[in-house]
């Protein structure tokens, strides 16, 4: 676990994506910048990410509230990254936003 979750409710932004391997010019520095900038946003709680053998990535970003998600979506640098992602870097992506009402787990 990369962070300690708060008591619910909180929000999860679930991103399923696949990069277009033929069009990745400029992607790595933008990806790094978005990760740094995203972590600094008010309401950001953490992130978990996995990539499968076919290159499909599943990322879950956690936020304290819906307003934090909206503010991040409208950040000027993030808007530019979104534009370039649609026009160049991604073959596809799908985003879901969920409110976590209940959470529990187990650790040995």
PDB file of N, CA and C in Angstrom:
ATOM      1  N   UNK A   1       0.844  -1.170   0.000  1.00  0.00           N
ATOM      2  CA  UNK A   1       0.000   0.000   0.000  1.00  0.00           C
ATOM      3  C   UNK A   1       0.890   1.233   0.000  1.00  0.00           C
ATOM      4  N   UNK A   2       0.632   2.165  -0.891  1.00  0.00           N
ATOM      5  CA  UNK A   2       1.491   3.327  -1.036  1.00  0.00           C
ATOM      6  C   UNK A   2       1.089   4.491  -0.141  1.00  0.00           C
ATOM      7  N   UNK A   3      -0.020   4.382   0.579  1.00  0.00           N
ATOM      8  CA  UNK A   3      -0.468   5.481   1.425  1.00  0.00           C
ATOM      9  C   UNK A   3      -1.500   4.948   2.405  1.00  0.00           C
ATOM     10  N   UNK A   4      -1.791   5.727   3.408  1.00  0.00           N
ATOM     11  CA  UNK A   4      -2.812   5.364   4.379  1.00  0.00           C
ATOM     12  C   UNK A   4      -4.121   6.023   3.982  1.00  0.00           C
ATOM     13  N   UNK A   5      -5.111   5.217   3.766  1.00  0.00           N
ATOM     14  CA  UNK A   5      -6.414   5.757   3.393  1.00  0.00           C
ATOM     15  C   UNK A   5      -7.094   6.366   4.619  1.00  0.00           C
ATOM     16  N   UNK A   6      -7.867   7.419   4.386  1.00  0.00           N
ATOM     17  CA  UNK A   6      -8.628   8.001   5.495  1.00  0.00           C
ATOM     18  C   UNK A   6      -9.872   7.160   5.770  1.00  0.00           C
ATOM     19  N   UNK A   7     -10.600   7.510   6.782  1.00  0.00           N
ATOM     20  CA  UNK A   7     -11.909   6.899   6.999  1.00  0.00           C
ATOM     21  C   UNK A   7     -12.827   7.358   5.868  1.00  0.00           C
ATOM     22  N   UNK A   8     -13.644   6.457   5.318  1.00  0.00           N
ATOM     23  CA  UNK A   8     -14.593   6.865   4.297  1.00  0.00           C
ATOM     24  C   UNK A   8     -15.587   7.882   4.858  1.00  0.00           C
ATOM     25  N   UNK A   9     -16.182   8.675   4.003  1.00  0.00           N
ATOM     26  CA  UNK A   9     -16.093   8.608   2.553  1.00  0.00           C
ATOM     27  C   UNK A   9     -14.883   9.360   2.006  1.00  0.00           C
ATOM     28  N   UNK A  10     -14.401   8.879   0.875  1.00  0.00           N
ATOM     29  CA  UNK A  10     -13.403   9.551   0.054  1.00  0.00           C
ATOM     30  C   UNK A  10     -13.667   9.104  -1.381  1.00  0.00           C
ATOM     31  N   UNK A  11     -12.887   9.581  -2.324  1.00  0.00           N
ATOM     32  CA  UNK A  11     -13.160   9.313  -3.732  1.00  0.00           C
ATOM     33  C   UNK A  11     -12.013   8.564  -4.402  1.00  0.00           C
ATOM     34  N   UNK A  12     -12.374   7.765  -5.410  1.00  0.00           N
ATOM     35  CA  UNK A  12     -11.398   7.057  -6.227  1.00  0.00           C
ATOM     36  C   UNK A  12     -11.656   7.402  -7.690  1.00  0.00           C
ATOM     37  N   UNK A  13     -10.596   7.785  -8.391  1.00  0.00           N
ATOM     38  CA  UNK A  13     -10.662   8.006  -9.833  1.00  0.00           C
ATOM     39  C   UNK A  13      -9.947   6.818 -10.467  1.00  0.00           C
ATOM     40  N   UNK A  14     -10.686   6.022 -11.225  1.00  0.00           N
ATOM     41  CA  UNK A  14     -10.176   4.782 -11.802  1.00  0.00           C
ATOM     42  C   UNK A  14      -9.907   5.031 -13.281  1.00  0.00           C
ATOM     43  N   UNK A  15      -8.648   4.877 -13.680  1.00  0.00           N
ATOM     44  CA  UNK A  15      -8.237   5.157 -15.056  1.00  0.00           C
ATOM     45  C   UNK A  15      -7.695   3.877 -15.676  1.00  0.00           C
ATOM     46  N   UNK A  16      -8.328   3.427 -16.740  1.00  0.00           N
ATOM     47  CA  UNK A  16      -7.854   2.299 -17.529  1.00  0.00           C
ATOM     48  C   UNK A  16      -7.352   2.889 -18.845  1.00  0.00           C
ATOM     49  N   UNK A  17      -6.106   2.593 -19.212  1.00  0.00           N
ATOM     50  CA  UNK A  17      -5.550   3.230 -20.406  1.00  0.00           C
ATOM     51  C   UNK A  17      -4.554   2.338 -21.126  1.00  0.00           C
ATOM     52  N   UNK A  18      -4.364   2.667 -22.385  1.00  0.00           N
ATOM     53  CA  UNK A  18      -3.335   2.008 -23.194  1.00  0.00           C
ATOM     54  C   UNK A  18      -2.682   3.081 -24.050  1.00  0.00           C
ATOM     55  N   UNK A  19      -1.355   3.126 -23.976  1.00  0.00           N
ATOM     56  CA  UNK A  19      -0.611   4.094 -24.771  1.00  0.00           C
ATOM     57  C   UNK A  19      -0.528   3.650 -26.221  1.00  0.00           C
ATOM     58  N   UNK A  20      -0.394   4.598 -27.120  1.00  0.00           N
ATOM     59  CA  UNK A  20      -0.139   4.340 -28.536  1.00  0.00           C
ATOM     60  C   UNK A  20       1.377   4.329 -28.703  1.00  0.00           C
ATOM     61  N   UNK A  21       1.974   3.165 -28.747  1.00  0.00           N
ATOM     62  CA  UNK A  21       3.427   3.014 -28.741  1.00  0.00           C
ATOM     63  C   UNK A  21       4.118   3.756 -29.883  1.00  0.00           C
ATOM     64  N   UNK A  22       3.413   4.036 -30.951  1.00  0.00           N
ATOM     65  CA  UNK A  22       4.014   4.713 -32.100  1.00  0.00           C
ATOM     66  C   UNK A  22       4.075   6.233 -31.934  1.00  0.00           C
ATOM     67  N   UNK A  23       3.435   6.758 -30.907  1.00  0.00           N
ATOM     68  CA  UNK A  23       3.332   8.219 -30.772  1.00  0.00           C
ATOM     69  C   UNK A  23       3.612   8.694 -29.348  1.00  0.00           C
ATOM     70  N   UNK A  24       4.782   8.361 -28.816  1.00  0.00           N
ATOM     71  CA  UNK A  24       5.087   8.678 -27.425  1.00  0.00           C
ATOM     72  C   UNK A  24       6.067   9.828 -27.245  1.00  0.00           C
ATOM     73  N   UNK A  25       6.373  10.550 -28.311  1.00  0.00           N
ATOM     74  CA  UNK A  25       7.301  11.672 -28.208  1.00  0.00           C
ATOM     75  C   UNK A  25       6.807  12.684 -27.173  1.00  0.00           C
ATOM     76  N   UNK A  26       7.622  12.948 -26.163  1.00  0.00           N
ATOM     77  CA  UNK A  26       7.281  13.914 -25.131  1.00  0.00           C
ATOM     78  C   UNK A  26       6.446  13.362 -23.989  1.00  0.00           C
ATOM     79  N   UNK A  27       6.055  12.095 -24.066  1.00  0.00           N
ATOM     80  CA  UNK A  27       5.184  11.532 -23.050  1.00  0.00           C
ATOM     81  C   UNK A  27       5.869  11.394 -21.688  1.00  0.00           C
ATOM     82  N   UNK A  28       7.069  10.843 -21.639  1.00  0.00           N
ATOM     83  CA  UNK A  28       7.737  10.564 -20.358  1.00  0.00           C
ATOM     84  C   UNK A  28       7.913  11.808 -19.494  1.00  0.00           C
ATOM     85  N   UNK A  29       8.427  12.918 -20.031  1.00  0.00           N
ATOM     86  CA  UNK A  29       8.552  14.094 -19.174  1.00  0.00           C
ATOM     87  C   UNK A  29       7.201  14.648 -18.715  1.00  0.00           C
ATOM     88  N   UNK A  30       6.191  14.583 -19.575  1.00  0.00           N
ATOM     89  CA  UNK A  30       4.865  15.067 -19.178  1.00  0.00           C
ATOM     90  C   UNK A  30       4.271  14.154 -18.108  1.00  0.00           C
ATOM     91  N   UNK A  31       4.451  12.859 -18.253  1.00  0.00           N
ATOM     92  CA  UNK A  31       3.950  11.911 -17.261  1.00  0.00           C
ATOM     93  C   UNK A  31       4.590  12.176 -15.894  1.00  0.00           C
ATOM     94  N   UNK A  32       5.878  12.405 -15.890  1.00  0.00           N
ATOM     95  CA  UNK A  32       6.585  12.701 -14.638  1.00  0.00           C
ATOM     96  C   UNK A  32       6.086  14.014 -14.035  1.00  0.00           C
ATOM     97  N   UNK A  33       5.910  15.033 -14.861  1.00  0.00           N
ATOM     98  CA  UNK A  33       5.433  16.321 -14.379  1.00  0.00           C
ATOM     99  C   UNK A  33       4.019  16.207 -13.804  1.00  0.00           C
ATOM    100  N   UNK A  34       3.148  15.451 -14.476  1.00  0.00           N
ATOM    101  CA  UNK A  34       1.780  15.292 -13.982  1.00  0.00           C
ATOM    102  C   UNK A  34       1.769  14.540 -12.648  1.00  0.00           C
ATOM    103  N   UNK A  35       2.633  13.554 -12.484  1.00  0.00           N
ATOM    104  CA  UNK A  35       2.710  12.822 -11.211  1.00  0.00           C
ATOM    105  C   UNK A  35       3.147  13.756 -10.091  1.00  0.00           C
ATOM    106  N   UNK A  36       4.163  14.578 -10.345  1.00  0.00           N
ATOM    107  CA  UNK A  36       4.647  15.523  -9.336  1.00  0.00           C
ATOM    108  C   UNK A  36       3.582  16.565  -9.006  1.00  0.00           C
ATOM    109  N   UNK A  37       3.001  17.142 -10.030  1.00  0.00           N
ATOM    110  CA  UNK A  37       1.998  18.179  -9.845  1.00  0.00           C
ATOM    111  C   UNK A  37       0.744  17.605  -9.181  1.00  0.00           C
ATOM    112  N   UNK A  38       0.346  16.412  -9.599  1.00  0.00           N
ATOM    113  CA  UNK A  38      -0.833  15.772  -9.028  1.00  0.00           C
ATOM    114  C   UNK A  38      -0.695  15.521  -7.539  1.00  0.00           C
ATOM    115  N   UNK A  39       0.482  15.048  -7.111  1.00  0.00           N
ATOM    116  CA  UNK A  39       0.714  14.798  -5.686  1.00  0.00           C
ATOM    117  C   UNK A  39       0.612  16.069  -4.857  1.00  0.00           C
ATOM    118  N   UNK A  40       0.878  17.226  -5.464  1.00  0.00           N
ATOM    119  CA  UNK A  40       0.861  18.502  -4.745  1.00  0.00           C
ATOM    120  C   UNK A  40      -0.536  19.125  -4.670  1.00  0.00           C
ATOM    121  N   UNK A  41      -1.514  18.525  -5.325  1.00  0.00           N
ATOM    122  CA  UNK A  41      -2.850  19.115  -5.361  1.00  0.00           C
ATOM    123  C   UNK A  41      -3.582  18.951  -4.041  1.00  0.00           C
ATOM    124  N   UNK A  42      -4.285  19.983  -3.588  1.00  0.00           N
ATOM    125  CA  UNK A  42      -5.098  19.854  -2.378  1.00  0.00           C
ATOM    126  C   UNK A  42      -6.100  18.711  -2.522  1.00  0.00           C
ATOM    127  N   UNK A  43      -6.234  17.914  -1.493  1.00  0.00           N
ATOM    128  CA  UNK A  43      -7.180  16.804  -1.500  1.00  0.00           C
ATOM    129  C   UNK A  43      -6.632  15.502  -2.032  1.00  0.00           C
ATOM    130  N   UNK A  44      -5.439  15.512  -2.629  1.00  0.00           N
ATOM    131  CA  UNK A  44      -4.837  14.280  -3.150  1.00  0.00           C
ATOM    132  C   UNK A  44      -4.430  13.392  -1.982  1.00  0.00           C
ATOM    133  N   UNK A  45      -4.781  12.105  -2.056  1.00  0.00           N
ATOM    134  CA  UNK A  45      -4.461  11.163  -0.978  1.00  0.00           C
ATOM    135  C   UNK A  45      -3.436  10.114  -1.370  1.00  0.00           C
ATOM    136  N   UNK A  46      -3.374   9.747  -2.656  1.00  0.00           N
ATOM    137  CA  UNK A  46      -2.432   8.708  -3.070  1.00  0.00           C
ATOM    138  C   UNK A  46      -2.839   8.074  -4.377  1.00  0.00           C
ATOM    139  N   UNK A  47      -2.041   7.067  -4.762  1.00  0.00           N
ATOM    140  CA  UNK A  47      -2.228   6.449  -6.069  1.00  0.00           C
ATOM    141  C   UNK A  47      -1.693   5.040  -6.054  1.00  0.00           C
ATOM    142  N   UNK A  48      -2.336   4.169  -6.814  1.00  0.00           N
ATOM    143  CA  UNK A  48      -1.867   2.802  -7.037  1.00  0.00           C
ATOM    144  C   UNK A  48      -1.991   2.525  -8.525  1.00  0.00           C
ATOM    145  N   UNK A  49      -1.032   1.771  -9.085  1.00  0.00           N
ATOM    146  CA  UNK A  49      -1.046   1.550 -10.524  1.00  0.00           C
ATOM    147  C   UNK A  49      -0.417   0.201 -10.870  1.00  0.00           C
ATOM    148  N   UNK A  50      -0.976  -0.461 -11.868  1.00  0.00           N
ATOM    149  CA  UNK A  50      -0.462  -1.732 -12.383  1.00  0.00           C
ATOM    150  C   UNK A  50      -0.567  -1.719 -13.899  1.00  0.00           C
ATOM    151  N   UNK A  51       0.388  -2.369 -14.551  1.00  0.00           N
ATOM    152  CA  UNK A  51       0.374  -2.513 -16.001  1.00  0.00           C
ATOM    153  C   UNK A  51       0.419  -3.991 -16.341  1.00  0.00           C
ATOM    154  N   UNK A  52      -0.463  -4.444 -17.235  1.00  0.00           N
ATOM    155  CA  UNK A  52      -0.466  -5.864 -17.595  1.00  0.00           C
ATOM    156  C   UNK A  52       0.505  -6.144 -18.741  1.00  0.00           C
ATOM    157  N   UNK A  53       0.617  -7.391 -19.128  1.00  0.00           N
ATOM    158  CA  UNK A  53       1.576  -7.825 -20.153  1.00  0.00           C
ATOM    159  C   UNK A  53       1.294  -7.194 -21.519  1.00  0.00           C
ATOM    160  N   UNK A  54       0.053  -6.783 -21.777  1.00  0.00           N
ATOM    161  CA  UNK A  54      -0.311  -6.163 -23.053  1.00  0.00           C
ATOM    162  C   UNK A  54      -0.124  -4.643 -23.039  1.00  0.00           C
ATOM    163  N   UNK A  55       0.335  -4.101 -21.905  1.00  0.00           N
ATOM    164  CA  UNK A  55       0.576  -2.667 -21.815  1.00  0.00           C
ATOM    165  C   UNK A  55      -0.617  -1.854 -21.346  1.00  0.00           C
ATOM    166  N   UNK A  56      -1.712  -2.516 -20.971  1.00  0.00           N
ATOM    167  CA  UNK A  56      -2.868  -1.789 -20.439  1.00  0.00           C
ATOM    168  C   UNK A  56      -2.581  -1.462 -18.982  1.00  0.00           C
ATOM    169  N   UNK A  57      -2.773  -0.185 -18.634  1.00  0.00           N
ATOM    170  CA  UNK A  57      -2.506   0.281 -17.275  1.00  0.00           C
ATOM    171  C   UNK A  57      -3.812   0.566 -16.545  1.00  0.00           C
ATOM    172  N   UNK A  58      -3.855   0.164 -15.294  1.00  0.00           N
ATOM    173  CA  UNK A  58      -4.986   0.473 -14.426  1.00  0.00           C
ATOM    174  C   UNK A  58      -4.419   1.287 -13.267  1.00  0.00           C
ATOM    175  N   UNK A  59      -4.907   2.510 -13.129  1.00  0.00           N
ATOM    176  CA  UNK A  59      -4.453   3.423 -12.085  1.00  0.00           C
ATOM    177  C   UNK A  59      -5.647   3.877 -11.277  1.00  0.00           C
ATOM    178  N   UNK A  60      -5.489   3.876  -9.968  1.00  0.00           N
ATOM    179  CA  UNK A  60      -6.518   4.401  -9.079  1.00  0.00           C
ATOM    180  C   UNK A  60      -5.900   5.547  -8.294  1.00  0.00           C
ATOM    181  N   UNK A  61      -6.510   6.720  -8.431  1.00  0.00           N
ATOM    182  CA  UNK A  61      -6.070   7.912  -7.704  1.00  0.00           C
ATOM    183  C   UNK A  61      -7.111   8.204  -6.632  1.00  0.00           C
ATOM    184  N   UNK A  62      -6.656   8.531  -5.448  1.00  0.00           N
ATOM    185  CA  UNK A  62      -7.562   8.752  -4.327  1.00  0.00           C
ATOM    186  C   UNK A  62      -7.566  10.224  -3.932  1.00  0.00           C
ATOM    187  N   UNK A  63      -8.773  10.737  -3.655  1.00  0.00           N
ATOM    188  CA  UNK A  63      -8.958  12.138  -3.285  1.00  0.00           C
ATOM    189  C   UNK A  63      -9.907  12.252  -2.099  1.00  0.00           C
ATOM    190  N   UNK A  64      -9.742  13.300  -1.344  1.00  0.00           N
ATOM    191  CA  UNK A  64     -10.575  13.560  -0.170  1.00  0.00           C
ATOM    192  C   UNK A  64     -12.019  13.874  -0.563  1.00  0.00           C
ATOM    193  N   UNK A  65     -12.210  14.615  -1.674  1.00  0.00           N
ATOM    194  CA  UNK A  65     -13.567  15.055  -2.027  1.00  0.00           C
ATOM    195  C   UNK A  65     -13.678  15.302  -3.530  1.00  0.00           C
ATOM    196  N   UNK A  66     -14.917  15.455  -3.980  1.00  0.00           N
ATOM    197  CA  UNK A  66     -15.186  15.663  -5.407  1.00  0.00           C
ATOM    198  C   UNK A  66     -14.622  16.988  -5.900  1.00  0.00           C
ATOM    199  N   UNK A  67     -14.604  18.002  -5.043  1.00  0.00           N
ATOM    200  CA  UNK A  67     -14.076  19.312  -5.434  1.00  0.00           C
ATOM    201  C   UNK A  67     -12.586  19.227  -5.779  1.00  0.00           C
ATOM    202  N   UNK A  68     -11.852  18.410  -5.060  1.00  0.00           N
ATOM    203  CA  UNK A  68     -10.417  18.228  -5.344  1.00  0.00           C
ATOM    204  C   UNK A  68     -10.208  17.608  -6.725  1.00  0.00           C
ATOM    205  N   UNK A  69     -11.054  16.668  -7.068  1.00  0.00           N
ATOM    206  CA  UNK A  69     -10.973  16.032  -8.391  1.00  0.00           C
ATOM    207  C   UNK A  69     -11.269  17.055  -9.479  1.00  0.00           C
ATOM    208  N   UNK A  70     -12.312  17.834  -9.304  1.00  0.00           N
ATOM    209  CA  UNK A  70     -12.677  18.857 -10.290  1.00  0.00           C
ATOM    210  C   UNK A  70     -11.573  19.896 -10.466  1.00  0.00           C
ATOM    211  N   UNK A  71     -10.974  20.315  -9.355  1.00  0.00           N
ATOM    212  CA  UNK A  71      -9.896  21.308  -9.434  1.00  0.00           C
ATOM    213  C   UNK A  71      -8.707  20.750 -10.198  1.00  0.00           C
ATOM    214  N   UNK A  72      -8.344  19.499  -9.945  1.00  0.00           N
ATOM    215  CA  UNK A  72      -7.218  18.883 -10.655  1.00  0.00           C
ATOM    216  C   UNK A  72      -7.533  18.735 -12.137  1.00  0.00           C
ATOM    217  N   UNK A  73      -8.738  18.340 -12.457  1.00  0.00           N
ATOM    218  CA  UNK A  73      -9.114  18.179 -13.869  1.00  0.00           C
ATOM    219  C   UNK A  73      -8.985  19.491 -14.624  1.00  0.00           C
ATOM    220  N   UNK A  74      -9.193  20.632 -13.954  1.00  0.00           N
ATOM    221  CA  UNK A  74      -9.144  21.935 -14.603  1.00  0.00           C
ATOM    222  C   UNK A  74      -7.799  22.653 -14.468  1.00  0.00           C
ATOM    223  N   UNK A  75      -6.811  22.028 -13.844  1.00  0.00           N
ATOM    224  CA  UNK A  75      -5.500  22.666 -13.704  1.00  0.00           C
ATOM    225  C   UNK A  75      -4.925  22.912 -15.103  1.00  0.00           C
ATOM    226  N   UNK A  76      -4.390  24.109 -15.386  1.00  0.00           N
ATOM    227  CA  UNK A  76      -3.929  24.437 -16.748  1.00  0.00           C
ATOM    228  C   UNK A  76      -2.909  23.455 -17.332  1.00  0.00           C
ATOM    229  N   UNK A  77      -1.931  23.034 -16.564  1.00  0.00           N
ATOM    230  CA  UNK A  77      -0.950  22.073 -17.097  1.00  0.00           C
ATOM    231  C   UNK A  77      -1.593  20.715 -17.326  1.00  0.00           C
ATOM    232  N   UNK A  78      -2.523  20.338 -16.467  1.00  0.00           N
ATOM    233  CA  UNK A  78      -3.213  19.060 -16.635  1.00  0.00           C
ATOM    234  C   UNK A  78      -4.121  19.104 -17.866  1.00  0.00           C
ATOM    235  N   UNK A  79      -4.749  20.242 -18.119  1.00  0.00           N
ATOM    236  CA  UNK A  79      -5.561  20.388 -19.331  1.00  0.00           C
ATOM    237  C   UNK A  79      -4.714  20.166 -20.586  1.00  0.00           C
ATOM    238  N   UNK A  80      -3.497  20.715 -20.593  1.00  0.00           N
ATOM    239  CA  UNK A  80      -2.593  20.511 -21.734  1.00  0.00           C
ATOM    240  C   UNK A  80      -2.210  19.039 -21.874  1.00  0.00           C
ATOM    241  N   UNK A  81      -1.923  18.384 -20.764  1.00  0.00           N
ATOM    242  CA  UNK A  81      -1.585  16.959 -20.805  1.00  0.00           C
ATOM    243  C   UNK A  81      -2.773  16.144 -21.318  1.00  0.00           C
ATOM    244  N   UNK A  82      -3.978  16.500 -20.895  1.00  0.00           N
ATOM    245  CA  UNK A  82      -5.168  15.796 -21.379  1.00  0.00           C
ATOM    246  C   UNK A  82      -5.320  15.962 -22.891  1.00  0.00           C
ATOM    247  N   UNK A  83      -5.124  17.176 -23.367  1.00  0.00           N
ATOM    248  CA  UNK A  83      -5.235  17.436 -24.811  1.00  0.00           C
ATOM    249  C   UNK A  83      -4.232  16.601 -25.586  1.00  0.00           C
ATOM    250  N   UNK A  84      -2.974  16.644 -25.163  1.00  0.00           N
ATOM    251  CA  UNK A  84      -1.939  15.876 -25.868  1.00  0.00           C
ATOM    252  C   UNK A  84      -2.187  14.378 -25.750  1.00  0.00           C
ATOM    253  N   UNK A  85      -2.717  13.934 -24.631  1.00  0.00           N
ATOM    254  CA  UNK A  85      -3.036  12.520 -24.463  1.00  0.00           C
ATOM    255  C   UNK A  85      -4.058  12.052 -25.485  1.00  0.00           C
ATOM    256  N   UNK A  86      -5.123  12.842 -25.657  1.00  0.00           N
ATOM    257  CA  UNK A  86      -6.159  12.490 -26.639  1.00  0.00           C
ATOM    258  C   UNK A  86      -5.626  12.561 -28.065  1.00  0.00           C
ATOM    259  N   UNK A  87      -4.842  13.594 -28.360  1.00  0.00           N
ATOM    260  CA  UNK A  87      -4.370  13.809 -29.731  1.00  0.00           C
ATOM    261  C   UNK A  87      -3.200  12.915 -30.116  1.00  0.00           C
ATOM    262  N   UNK A  88      -2.408  12.488 -29.153  1.00  0.00           N
ATOM    263  CA  UNK A  88      -1.142  11.846 -29.510  1.00  0.00           C
ATOM    264  C   UNK A  88      -0.850  10.560 -28.753  1.00  0.00           C
ATOM    265  N   UNK A  89      -0.850  10.579 -27.438  1.00  0.00           N
ATOM    266  CA  UNK A  89      -0.227   9.510 -26.649  1.00  0.00           C
ATOM    267  C   UNK A  89      -1.073   8.283 -26.397  1.00  0.00           C
ATOM    268  N   UNK A  90      -2.382   8.420 -26.265  1.00  0.00           N
ATOM    269  CA  UNK A  90      -3.211   7.281 -25.865  1.00  0.00           C
ATOM    270  C   UNK A  90      -3.940   6.650 -27.031  1.00  0.00           C
ATOM    271  N   UNK A  91      -3.910   5.317 -27.072  1.00  0.00           N
ATOM    272  CA  UNK A  91      -4.752   4.576 -28.001  1.00  0.00           C
ATOM    273  C   UNK A  91      -6.187   4.625 -27.492  1.00  0.00           C
ATOM    274  N   UNK A  92      -6.342   4.545 -26.160  1.00  0.00           N
ATOM    275  CA  UNK A  92      -7.641   4.692 -25.529  1.00  0.00           C
ATOM    276  C   UNK A  92      -7.459   4.917 -24.033  1.00  0.00           C
ATOM    277  N   UNK A  93      -8.488   5.462 -23.415  1.00  0.00           N
ATOM    278  CA  UNK A  93      -8.550   5.534 -21.956  1.00  0.00           C
ATOM    279  C   UNK A  93     -10.006   5.635 -21.528  1.00  0.00           C
ATOM    280  N   UNK A  94     -10.258   5.183 -20.318  1.00  0.00           N
ATOM    281  CA  UNK A  94     -11.596   5.234 -19.726  1.00  0.00           C
ATOM    282  C   UNK A  94     -11.427   5.641 -18.270  1.00  0.00           C
ATOM    283  N   UNK A  95     -12.274   6.570 -17.813  1.00  0.00           N
ATOM    284  CA  UNK A  95     -12.170   7.093 -16.455  1.00  0.00           C
ATOM    285  C   UNK A  95     -13.514   6.929 -15.754  1.00  0.00           C
ATOM    286  N   UNK A  96     -13.431   6.452 -14.519  1.00  0.00           N
ATOM    287  CA  UNK A  96     -14.608   6.341 -13.666  1.00  0.00           C
ATOM    288  C   UNK A  96     -14.291   7.033 -12.347  1.00  0.00           C
ATOM    289  N   UNK A  97     -15.272   7.728 -11.795  1.00  0.00           N
ATOM    290  CA  UNK A  97     -15.110   8.393 -10.506  1.00  0.00           C
ATOM    291  C   UNK A  97     -16.106   7.755  -9.548  1.00  0.00           C
ATOM    292  N   UNK A  98     -15.590   7.298  -8.408  1.00  0.00           N
ATOM    293  CA  UNK A  98     -16.437   6.601  -7.441  1.00  0.00           C
ATOM    294  C   UNK A  98     -16.257   7.173  -6.042  1.00  0.00           C
ATOM    295  N   UNK A  99     -17.327   7.240  -5.311  1.00  0.00           N
ATOM    296  CA  UNK A  99     -17.273   7.639  -3.898  1.00  0.00           C
ATOM    297  C   UNK A  99     -17.158   6.354  -3.074  1.00  0.00           C
ATOM    298  N   UNK A 100     -16.135   6.272  -2.271  1.00  0.00           N
ATOM    299  CA  UNK A 100     -15.921   5.101  -1.415  1.00  0.00           C
ATOM    300  C   UNK A 100     -16.713   5.322  -0.129  1.00  0.00           C
ATOM    301  N   UNK A 101     -17.697   4.495   0.068  1.00  0.00           N
ATOM    302  CA  UNK A 101     -18.563   4.602   1.240  1.00  0.00           C
ATOM    303  C   UNK A 101     -18.080   3.732   2.391  1.00  0.00           C
ATOM    304  N   UNK A 102     -17.450   2.617   2.047  1.00  0.00           N
ATOM    305  CA  UNK A 102     -17.028   1.644   3.048  1.00  0.00           C
ATOM    306  C   UNK A 102     -15.713   1.048   2.576  1.00  0.00           C
ATOM    307  N   UNK A 103     -14.804   0.809   3.495  1.00  0.00           N
ATOM    308  CA  UNK A 103     -13.522   0.198   3.144  1.00  0.00           C
ATOM    309  C   UNK A 103     -13.053  -0.668   4.303  1.00  0.00           C
ATOM    310  N   UNK A 104     -12.477  -1.797   3.974  1.00  0.00           N
ATOM    311  CA  UNK A 104     -11.926  -2.664   5.012  1.00  0.00           C
ATOM    312  C   UNK A 104     -10.839  -3.504   4.392  1.00  0.00           C
ATOM    313  N   UNK A 105     -10.018  -4.134   5.184  1.00  0.00           N
ATOM    314  CA  UNK A 105      -8.939  -4.933   4.639  1.00  0.00           C
ATOM    315  C   UNK A 105      -8.292  -5.788   5.706  1.00  0.00           C
ATOM    316  N   UNK A 106      -7.192  -6.408   5.329  1.00  0.00           N
ATOM    317  CA  UNK A 106      -6.453  -7.307   6.196  1.00  0.00           C
ATOM    318  C   UNK A 106      -4.976  -7.210   5.873  1.00  0.00           C
ATOM    319  N   UNK A 107      -4.163  -7.174   6.875  1.00  0.00           N
ATOM    320  CA  UNK A 107      -2.700  -7.236   6.683  1.00  0.00           C
ATOM    321  C   UNK A 107      -2.138  -8.164   7.740  1.00  0.00           C
ATOM    322  N   UNK A 108      -1.241  -9.053   7.359  1.00  0.00           N
ATOM    323  CA  UNK A 108      -0.590  -9.945   8.296  1.00  0.00           C
ATOM    324  C   UNK A 108       0.629  -9.260   8.843  1.00  0.00           C
TER     325      UNK A 108
END
